[in-house]
C-alpha cells in the first residue's frame, strides 16, 4: 500500500472537469485507488465519489493505492494534483 498527502493547488478544487481528468489518470493503473479528505474515503475512479467530498482549492487530500503499480499510480496522481491539472500532466 502506498499513501501520499497532497494539497489541491487549483482554486476551484476537484469539481467536474478536474475530477474527470483525475479519474482518467487513475484508470490508467490496475491498483485500487482511493482519495481521503478528513475522515471520508472514496474510490478515486468514481466521479460521484470524488464530487461528494467537496474538495476545494487549498484542501489537503490523501491519495492511497494498493496493487501492482501502486507507487506509480500515487506518484502520477500527486503530480497531476500539484500541477493544478495542467495539460502537460494529463
PDB file of N, CA and C in Angstrom:
ATOM      1  N   UNK A   1       0.846  -1.181   0.000  1.00  0.00           N
ATOM      2  CA  UNK A   1       0.000   0.000   0.000  1.00  0.00           C
ATOM      3  C   UNK A   1       0.888   1.240   0.000  1.00  0.00           C
ATOM      4  N   UNK A   2       0.539   2.198  -0.850  1.00  0.00           N
ATOM      5  CA  UNK A   2       1.292   3.443  -0.975  1.00  0.00           C
ATOM      6  C   UNK A   2       0.342   4.597  -0.649  1.00  0.00           C
ATOM      7  N   UNK A   3       0.795   5.511   0.213  1.00  0.00           N
ATOM      8  CA  UNK A   3      -0.041   6.619   0.672  1.00  0.00           C
ATOM      9  C   UNK A   3       0.750   7.918   0.571  1.00  0.00           C
ATOM     10  N   UNK A   4       0.096   8.970   0.068  1.00  0.00           N
ATOM     11  CA  UNK A   4       0.761  10.275  -0.023  1.00  0.00           C
ATOM     12  C   UNK A   4      -0.269  11.374   0.178  1.00  0.00           C
ATOM     13  N   UNK A   5       0.096  12.369   0.984  1.00  0.00           N
ATOM     14  CA  UNK A   5      -0.756  13.538   1.185  1.00  0.00           C
ATOM     15  C   UNK A   5      -0.349  14.620   0.197  1.00  0.00           C
ATOM     16  N   UNK A   6      -1.334  15.353  -0.292  1.00  0.00           N
ATOM     17  CA  UNK A   6      -1.080  16.416  -1.263  1.00  0.00           C
ATOM     18  C   UNK A   6      -2.109  17.526  -1.068  1.00  0.00           C
ATOM     19  N   UNK A   7      -1.683  18.766  -1.381  1.00  0.00           N
ATOM     20  CA  UNK A   7      -2.572  19.918  -1.299  1.00  0.00           C
ATOM     21  C   UNK A   7      -3.126  20.209  -2.694  1.00  0.00           C
ATOM     22  N   UNK A   8      -4.430  20.358  -2.802  1.00  0.00           N
ATOM     23  CA  UNK A   8      -5.058  20.683  -4.089  1.00  0.00           C
ATOM     24  C   UNK A   8      -4.688  22.122  -4.432  1.00  0.00           C
ATOM     25  N   UNK A   9      -4.023  22.308  -5.573  1.00  0.00           N
ATOM     26  CA  UNK A   9      -3.462  23.601  -5.940  1.00  0.00           C
ATOM     27  C   UNK A   9      -4.426  24.514  -6.681  1.00  0.00           C
ATOM     28  N   UNK A  10      -5.240  23.958  -7.591  1.00  0.00           N
ATOM     29  CA  UNK A  10      -6.106  24.829  -8.385  1.00  0.00           C
ATOM     30  C   UNK A  10      -7.209  25.424  -7.517  1.00  0.00           C
ATOM     31  N   UNK A  11      -7.627  26.643  -7.845  1.00  0.00           N
ATOM     32  CA  UNK A  11      -8.559  27.375  -6.990  1.00  0.00           C
ATOM     33  C   UNK A  11      -9.927  26.733  -6.883  1.00  0.00           C
ATOM     34  N   UNK A  12     -10.411  26.123  -7.954  1.00  0.00           N
ATOM     35  CA  UNK A  12     -11.760  25.562  -7.911  1.00  0.00           C
ATOM     36  C   UNK A  12     -11.810  24.171  -7.287  1.00  0.00           C
ATOM     37  N   UNK A  13     -10.657  23.561  -7.084  1.00  0.00           N
ATOM     38  CA  UNK A  13     -10.625  22.244  -6.463  1.00  0.00           C
ATOM     39  C   UNK A  13     -10.962  21.130  -7.438  1.00  0.00           C
ATOM     40  N   UNK A  14     -11.525  20.056  -6.920  1.00  0.00           N
ATOM     41  CA  UNK A  14     -11.875  18.903  -7.751  1.00  0.00           C
ATOM     42  C   UNK A  14     -13.355  18.943  -8.110  1.00  0.00           C
ATOM     43  N   UNK A  15     -13.722  19.906  -8.943  1.00  0.00           N
ATOM     44  CA  UNK A  15     -15.088  19.929  -9.462  1.00  0.00           C
ATOM     45  C   UNK A  15     -15.127  19.004 -10.681  1.00  0.00           C
ATOM     46  N   UNK A  16     -16.169  19.042 -11.462  1.00  0.00           N
ATOM     47  CA  UNK A  16     -16.393  18.039 -12.509  1.00  0.00           C
ATOM     48  C   UNK A  16     -15.237  17.856 -13.487  1.00  0.00           C
ATOM     49  N   UNK A  17     -14.711  18.938 -14.050  1.00  0.00           N
ATOM     50  CA  UNK A  17     -13.670  18.768 -15.074  1.00  0.00           C
ATOM     51  C   UNK A  17     -12.358  18.232 -14.496  1.00  0.00           C
ATOM     52  N   UNK A  18     -11.777  18.852 -13.452  1.00  0.00           N
ATOM     53  CA  UNK A  18     -10.546  18.271 -12.893  1.00  0.00           C
ATOM     54  C   UNK A  18     -10.763  16.862 -12.332  1.00  0.00           C
ATOM     55  N   UNK A  19     -11.935  16.605 -11.775  1.00  0.00           N
ATOM     56  CA  UNK A  19     -12.224  15.264 -11.253  1.00  0.00           C
ATOM     57  C   UNK A  19     -12.217  14.249 -12.387  1.00  0.00           C
ATOM     58  N   UNK A  20     -12.725  14.651 -13.551  1.00  0.00           N
ATOM     59  CA  UNK A  20     -12.718  13.761 -14.710  1.00  0.00           C
ATOM     60  C   UNK A  20     -11.284  13.457 -15.143  1.00  0.00           C
ATOM     61  N   UNK A  21     -10.425  14.483 -15.167  1.00  0.00           N
ATOM     62  CA  UNK A  21      -9.016  14.262 -15.505  1.00  0.00           C
ATOM     63  C   UNK A  21      -8.363  13.314 -14.499  1.00  0.00           C
ATOM     64  N   UNK A  22      -8.694  13.503 -13.228  1.00  0.00           N
ATOM     65  CA  UNK A  22      -8.136  12.666 -12.165  1.00  0.00           C
ATOM     66  C   UNK A  22      -8.562  11.212 -12.370  1.00  0.00           C
ATOM     67  N   UNK A  23      -9.826  11.003 -12.659  1.00  0.00           N
ATOM     68  CA  UNK A  23     -10.356   9.652 -12.861  1.00  0.00           C
ATOM     69  C   UNK A  23      -9.725   8.994 -14.083  1.00  0.00           C
ATOM     70  N   UNK A  24      -9.573   9.754 -15.153  1.00  0.00           N
ATOM     71  CA  UNK A  24      -8.934   9.211 -16.353  1.00  0.00           C
ATOM     72  C   UNK A  24      -7.517   8.742 -16.039  1.00  0.00           C
ATOM     73  N   UNK A  25      -6.787   9.535 -15.274  1.00  0.00           N
ATOM     74  CA  UNK A  25      -5.417   9.160 -14.888  1.00  0.00           C
ATOM     75  C   UNK A  25      -5.452   7.936 -13.975  1.00  0.00           C
ATOM     76  N   UNK A  26      -6.358   7.910 -13.015  1.00  0.00           N
ATOM     77  CA  UNK A  26      -6.460   6.775 -12.081  1.00  0.00           C
ATOM     78  C   UNK A  26      -6.777   5.484 -12.819  1.00  0.00           C
ATOM     79  N   UNK A  27      -7.585   5.575 -13.867  1.00  0.00           N
ATOM     80  CA  UNK A  27      -7.967   4.388 -14.624  1.00  0.00           C
ATOM     81  C   UNK A  27      -6.839   3.831 -15.489  1.00  0.00           C
ATOM     82  N   UNK A  28      -5.731   4.542 -15.592  1.00  0.00           N
ATOM     83  CA  UNK A  28      -4.570   4.024 -16.311  1.00  0.00           C
ATOM     84  C   UNK A  28      -3.835   2.951 -15.500  1.00  0.00           C
ATOM     85  N   UNK A  29      -4.201   2.812 -14.229  1.00  0.00           N
ATOM     86  CA  UNK A  29      -3.494   1.900 -13.329  1.00  0.00           C
ATOM     87  C   UNK A  29      -4.406   0.756 -12.897  1.00  0.00           C
ATOM     88  N   UNK A  30      -3.784  -0.371 -12.621  1.00  0.00           N
ATOM     89  CA  UNK A  30      -4.536  -1.554 -12.191  1.00  0.00           C
ATOM     90  C   UNK A  30      -4.855  -1.540 -10.702  1.00  0.00           C
ATOM     91  N   UNK A  31      -4.078  -0.803  -9.933  1.00  0.00           N
ATOM     92  CA  UNK A  31      -4.253  -0.751  -8.485  1.00  0.00           C
ATOM     93  C   UNK A  31      -5.614  -0.182  -8.097  1.00  0.00           C
ATOM     94  N   UNK A  32      -6.087  -0.589  -6.931  1.00  0.00           N
ATOM     95  CA  UNK A  32      -7.246   0.060  -6.322  1.00  0.00           C
ATOM     96  C   UNK A  32      -6.752   1.392  -5.764  1.00  0.00           C
ATOM     97  N   UNK A  33      -7.484   2.465  -6.031  1.00  0.00           N
ATOM     98  CA  UNK A  33      -7.041   3.801  -5.630  1.00  0.00           C
ATOM     99  C   UNK A  33      -8.186   4.512  -4.919  1.00  0.00           C
ATOM    100  N   UNK A  34      -7.846   5.194  -3.825  1.00  0.00           N
ATOM    101  CA  UNK A  34      -8.827   5.947  -3.051  1.00  0.00           C
ATOM    102  C   UNK A  34      -8.322   7.355  -2.798  1.00  0.00           C
ATOM    103  N   UNK A  35      -9.265   8.259  -2.547  1.00  0.00           N
ATOM    104  CA  UNK A  35      -8.962   9.612  -2.079  1.00  0.00           C
ATOM    105  C   UNK A  35      -9.594   9.750  -0.706  1.00  0.00           C
ATOM    106  N   UNK A  36      -8.835  10.330   0.220  1.00  0.00           N
ATOM    107  CA  UNK A  36      -9.357  10.620   1.555  1.00  0.00           C
ATOM    108  C   UNK A  36      -9.323  12.118   1.798  1.00  0.00           C
ATOM    109  N   UNK A  37     -10.415  12.619   2.346  1.00  0.00           N
ATOM    110  CA  UNK A  37     -10.479  14.002   2.833  1.00  0.00           C
ATOM    111  C   UNK A  37     -11.036  13.914   4.240  1.00  0.00           C
ATOM    112  N   UNK A  38     -10.221  14.326   5.185  1.00  0.00           N
ATOM    113  CA  UNK A  38     -10.575  14.202   6.597  1.00  0.00           C
ATOM    114  C   UNK A  38     -10.875  12.744   6.911  1.00  0.00           C
ATOM    115  N   UNK A  39     -12.078  12.416   7.297  1.00  0.00           N
ATOM    116  CA  UNK A  39     -12.404  11.040   7.702  1.00  0.00           C
ATOM    117  C   UNK A  39     -13.074  10.228   6.598  1.00  0.00           C
ATOM    118  N   UNK A  40     -13.326  10.843   5.439  1.00  0.00           N
ATOM    119  CA  UNK A  40     -14.060  10.149   4.365  1.00  0.00           C
ATOM    120  C   UNK A  40     -13.113   9.623   3.305  1.00  0.00           C
ATOM    121  N   UNK A  41     -13.351   8.397   2.862  1.00  0.00           N
ATOM    122  CA  UNK A  41     -12.562   7.758   1.809  1.00  0.00           C
ATOM    123  C   UNK A  41     -13.497   7.321   0.695  1.00  0.00           C
ATOM    124  N   UNK A  42     -13.119   7.680  -0.560  1.00  0.00           N
ATOM    125  CA  UNK A  42     -13.925   7.284  -1.714  1.00  0.00           C
ATOM    126  C   UNK A  42     -13.028   6.671  -2.779  1.00  0.00           C
ATOM    127  N   UNK A  43     -13.654   5.915  -3.655  1.00  0.00           N
ATOM    128  CA  UNK A  43     -12.964   5.314  -4.788  1.00  0.00           C
ATOM    129  C   UNK A  43     -12.524   6.438  -5.731  1.00  0.00           C
ATOM    130  N   UNK A  44     -11.237   6.486  -6.048  1.00  0.00           N
ATOM    131  CA  UNK A  44     -10.696   7.541  -6.906  1.00  0.00           C
ATOM    132  C   UNK A  44     -11.073   7.352  -8.365  1.00  0.00           C
ATOM    133  N   UNK A  45     -11.749   6.259  -8.679  1.00  0.00           N
ATOM    134  CA  UNK A  45     -12.188   6.013 -10.048  1.00  0.00           C
ATOM    135  C   UNK A  45     -13.690   6.271 -10.201  1.00  0.00           C
ATOM    136  N   UNK A  46     -14.288   6.923  -9.191  1.00  0.00           N
ATOM    137  CA  UNK A  46     -15.717   7.209  -9.174  1.00  0.00           C
ATOM    138  C   UNK A  46     -15.959   8.716  -9.165  1.00  0.00           C
ATOM    139  N   UNK A  47     -16.587   9.231 -10.218  1.00  0.00           N
ATOM    140  CA  UNK A  47     -16.862  10.667 -10.298  1.00  0.00           C
ATOM    141  C   UNK A  47     -17.766  11.109  -9.148  1.00  0.00           C
ATOM    142  N   UNK A  48     -18.840  10.385  -8.905  1.00  0.00           N
ATOM    143  CA  UNK A  48     -19.748  10.767  -7.821  1.00  0.00           C
ATOM    144  C   UNK A  48     -19.047  10.728  -6.462  1.00  0.00           C
ATOM    145  N   UNK A  49     -18.190   9.727  -6.282  1.00  0.00           N
ATOM    146  CA  UNK A  49     -17.450   9.637  -5.024  1.00  0.00           C
ATOM    147  C   UNK A  49     -16.566  10.852  -4.804  1.00  0.00           C
ATOM    148  N   UNK A  50     -15.803  11.213  -5.834  1.00  0.00           N
ATOM    149  CA  UNK A  50     -14.893  12.361  -5.718  1.00  0.00           C
ATOM    150  C   UNK A  50     -15.686  13.649  -5.502  1.00  0.00           C
ATOM    151  N   UNK A  51     -16.735  13.851  -6.293  1.00  0.00           N
ATOM    152  CA  UNK A  51     -17.532  15.074  -6.153  1.00  0.00           C
ATOM    153  C   UNK A  51     -18.185  15.164  -4.781  1.00  0.00           C
ATOM    154  N   UNK A  52     -18.530  14.014  -4.200  1.00  0.00           N
ATOM    155  CA  UNK A  52     -19.192  14.017  -2.893  1.00  0.00           C
ATOM    156  C   UNK A  52     -18.283  14.524  -1.775  1.00  0.00           C
ATOM    157  N   UNK A  53     -16.973  14.518  -2.002  1.00  0.00           N
ATOM    158  CA  UNK A  53     -16.043  15.010  -0.983  1.00  0.00           C
ATOM    159  C   UNK A  53     -16.026  16.534  -0.913  1.00  0.00           C
ATOM    160  N   UNK A  54     -16.469  17.208  -1.969  1.00  0.00           N
ATOM    161  CA  UNK A  54     -16.497  18.675  -1.959  1.00  0.00           C
ATOM    162  C   UNK A  54     -15.113  19.280  -1.806  1.00  0.00           C
ATOM    163  N   UNK A  55     -14.152  18.797  -2.556  1.00  0.00           N
ATOM    164  CA  UNK A  55     -12.767  19.251  -2.429  1.00  0.00           C
ATOM    165  C   UNK A  55     -12.594  20.582  -3.141  1.00  0.00           C
ATOM    166  N   UNK A  56     -12.186  21.603  -2.400  1.00  0.00           N
ATOM    167  CA  UNK A  56     -11.941  22.932  -2.958  1.00  0.00           C
ATOM    168  C   UNK A  56     -10.439  23.217  -2.936  1.00  0.00           C
ATOM    169  N   UNK A  57     -10.043  24.285  -3.627  1.00  0.00           N
ATOM    170  CA  UNK A  57      -8.629  24.662  -3.647  1.00  0.00           C
ATOM    171  C   UNK A  57      -8.099  24.882  -2.238  1.00  0.00           C
ATOM    172  N   UNK A  58      -6.871  24.457  -1.997  1.00  0.00           N
ATOM    173  CA  UNK A  58      -6.255  24.601  -0.683  1.00  0.00           C
ATOM    174  C   UNK A  58      -6.580  23.472   0.281  1.00  0.00           C
ATOM    175  N   UNK A  59      -7.326  22.481  -0.165  1.00  0.00           N
ATOM    176  CA  UNK A  59      -7.691  21.341   0.675  1.00  0.00           C
ATOM    177  C   UNK A  59      -6.603  20.273   0.621  1.00  0.00           C
ATOM    178  N   UNK A  60      -6.262  19.727   1.771  1.00  0.00           N
ATOM    179  CA  UNK A  60      -5.311  18.614   1.825  1.00  0.00           C
ATOM    180  C   UNK A  60      -6.087  17.318   1.621  1.00  0.00           C
ATOM    181  N   UNK A  61      -5.591  16.483   0.710  1.00  0.00           N
ATOM    182  CA  UNK A  61      -6.198  15.174   0.489  1.00  0.00           C
ATOM    183  C   UNK A  61      -5.112  14.112   0.601  1.00  0.00           C
ATOM    184  N   UNK A  62      -5.533  12.895   0.780  1.00  0.00           N
ATOM    185  CA  UNK A  62      -4.617  11.754   0.832  1.00  0.00           C
ATOM    186  C   UNK A  62      -4.974  10.825  -0.320  1.00  0.00           C
ATOM    187  N   UNK A  63      -3.950  10.452  -1.089  1.00  0.00           N
ATOM    188  CA  UNK A  63      -4.138   9.512  -2.192  1.00  0.00           C
ATOM    189  C   UNK A  63      -3.552   8.174  -1.757  1.00  0.00           C
ATOM    190  N   UNK A  64      -4.346   7.125  -1.876  1.00  0.00           N
ATOM    191  CA  UNK A  64      -3.963   5.797  -1.410  1.00  0.00           C
ATOM    192  C   UNK A  64      -4.130   4.816  -2.565  1.00  0.00           C
ATOM    193  N   UNK A  65      -3.128   3.994  -2.783  1.00  0.00           N
ATOM    194  CA  UNK A  65      -3.224   2.967  -3.825  1.00  0.00           C
ATOM    195  C   UNK A  65      -2.721   1.645  -3.265  1.00  0.00           C
ATOM    196  N   UNK A  66      -3.337   0.571  -3.735  1.00  0.00           N
ATOM    197  CA  UNK A  66      -2.945  -0.765  -3.314  1.00  0.00           C
ATOM    198  C   UNK A  66      -3.016  -1.683  -4.538  1.00  0.00           C
ATOM    199  N   UNK A  67      -1.864  -2.204  -4.940  1.00  0.00           N
ATOM    200  CA  UNK A  67      -1.835  -3.092  -6.098  1.00  0.00           C
ATOM    201  C   UNK A  67      -0.452  -3.149  -6.711  1.00  0.00           C
ATOM    202  N   UNK A  68      -0.373  -3.738  -7.878  1.00  0.00           N
ATOM    203  CA  UNK A  68       0.924  -3.989  -8.517  1.00  0.00           C
ATOM    204  C   UNK A  68       1.643  -2.718  -8.946  1.00  0.00           C
ATOM    205  N   UNK A  69       0.891  -1.671  -9.295  1.00  0.00           N
ATOM    206  CA  UNK A  69       1.520  -0.426  -9.746  1.00  0.00           C
ATOM    207  C   UNK A  69       1.189   0.745  -8.816  1.00  0.00           C
ATOM    208  N   UNK A  70       1.055   0.441  -7.532  1.00  0.00           N
ATOM    209  CA  UNK A  70       0.610   1.442  -6.556  1.00  0.00           C
ATOM    210  C   UNK A  70       1.514   2.664  -6.467  1.00  0.00           C
ATOM    211  N   UNK A  71       2.839   2.464  -6.476  1.00  0.00           N
ATOM    212  CA  UNK A  71       3.750   3.600  -6.348  1.00  0.00           C
ATOM    213  C   UNK A  71       3.673   4.518  -7.559  1.00  0.00           C
ATOM    214  N   UNK A  72       3.601   3.932  -8.755  1.00  0.00           N
ATOM    215  CA  UNK A  72       3.465   4.730  -9.981  1.00  0.00           C
ATOM    216  C   UNK A  72       2.139   5.478  -9.973  1.00  0.00           C
ATOM    217  N   UNK A  73       1.080   4.823  -9.541  1.00  0.00           N
ATOM    218  CA  UNK A  73      -0.248   5.440  -9.513  1.00  0.00           C
ATOM    219  C   UNK A  73      -0.253   6.654  -8.600  1.00  0.00           C
ATOM    220  N   UNK A  74       0.239   6.497  -7.393  1.00  0.00           N
ATOM    221  CA  UNK A  74       0.238   7.607  -6.434  1.00  0.00           C
ATOM    222  C   UNK A  74       1.117   8.743  -6.946  1.00  0.00           C
ATOM    223  N   UNK A  75       2.309   8.432  -7.439  1.00  0.00           N
ATOM    224  CA  UNK A  75       3.209   9.475  -7.940  1.00  0.00           C
ATOM    225  C   UNK A  75       2.574  10.252  -9.089  1.00  0.00           C
ATOM    226  N   UNK A  76       1.949   9.546 -10.002  1.00  0.00           N
ATOM    227  CA  UNK A  76       1.328  10.179 -11.160  1.00  0.00           C
ATOM    228  C   UNK A  76       0.156  11.069 -10.748  1.00  0.00           C
ATOM    229  N   UNK A  77      -0.665  10.591  -9.836  1.00  0.00           N
ATOM    230  CA  UNK A  77      -1.825  11.366  -9.387  1.00  0.00           C
ATOM    231  C   UNK A  77      -1.409  12.566  -8.547  1.00  0.00           C
ATOM    232  N   UNK A  78      -0.376  12.418  -7.728  1.00  0.00           N
ATOM    233  CA  UNK A  78       0.139  13.548  -6.955  1.00  0.00           C
ATOM    234  C   UNK A  78       0.676  14.616  -7.909  1.00  0.00           C
ATOM    235  N   UNK A  79       1.415  14.203  -8.935  1.00  0.00           N
ATOM    236  CA  UNK A  79       1.922  15.162  -9.927  1.00  0.00           C
ATOM    237  C   UNK A  79       0.780  15.915 -10.593  1.00  0.00           C
ATOM    238  N   UNK A  80      -0.284  15.194 -10.940  1.00  0.00           N
ATOM    239  CA  UNK A  80      -1.436  15.822 -11.582  1.00  0.00           C
ATOM    240  C   UNK A  80      -2.071  16.865 -10.660  1.00  0.00           C
ATOM    241  N   UNK A  81      -2.285  16.517  -9.407  1.00  0.00           N
ATOM    242  CA  UNK A  81      -2.889  17.445  -8.450  1.00  0.00           C
ATOM    243  C   UNK A  81      -1.982  18.651  -8.227  1.00  0.00           C
ATOM    244  N   UNK A  82      -0.683  18.416  -8.048  1.00  0.00           N
ATOM    245  CA  UNK A  82       0.261  19.511  -7.801  1.00  0.00           C
ATOM    246  C   UNK A  82       0.393  20.443  -8.994  1.00  0.00           C
ATOM    247  N   UNK A  83       0.144  19.944 -10.190  1.00  0.00           N
ATOM    248  CA  UNK A  83       0.233  20.771 -11.394  1.00  0.00           C
ATOM    249  C   UNK A  83      -0.986  21.678 -11.553  1.00  0.00           C
ATOM    250  N   UNK A  84      -2.005  21.484 -10.723  1.00  0.00           N
ATOM    251  CA  UNK A  84      -3.240  22.231 -10.896  1.00  0.00           C
ATOM    252  C   UNK A  84      -4.042  21.722 -12.072  1.00  0.00           C
ATOM    253  N   UNK A  85      -3.786  20.460 -12.458  1.00  0.00           N
ATOM    254  CA  UNK A  85      -4.471  19.786 -13.557  1.00  0.00           C
ATOM    255  C   UNK A  85      -4.149  20.431 -14.895  1.00  0.00           C
ATOM    256  N   UNK A  86      -2.884  20.835 -15.061  1.00  0.00           N
ATOM    257  CA  UNK A  86      -2.451  21.432 -16.318  1.00  0.00           C
ATOM    258  C   UNK A  86      -2.344  20.371 -17.418  1.00  0.00           C
ATOM    259  N   UNK A  87      -2.410  20.813 -18.659  1.00  0.00           N
ATOM    260  CA  UNK A  87      -2.456  19.911 -19.812  1.00  0.00           C
ATOM    261  C   UNK A  87      -1.248  18.996 -19.931  1.00  0.00           C
ATOM    262  N   UNK A  88      -0.058  19.459 -19.610  1.00  0.00           N
ATOM    263  CA  UNK A  88       1.121  18.627 -19.833  1.00  0.00           C
ATOM    264  C   UNK A  88       1.216  17.442 -18.878  1.00  0.00           C
ATOM    265  N   UNK A  89       0.429  17.419 -17.820  1.00  0.00           N
ATOM    266  CA  UNK A  89       0.485  16.312 -16.872  1.00  0.00           C
ATOM    267  C   UNK A  89      -0.688  15.350 -16.991  1.00  0.00           C
ATOM    268  N   UNK A  90      -1.525  15.515 -18.005  1.00  0.00           N
ATOM    269  CA  UNK A  90      -2.667  14.619 -18.170  1.00  0.00           C
ATOM    270  C   UNK A  90      -2.319  13.461 -19.047  1.00  0.00           C
TER     271      UNK A  90
END
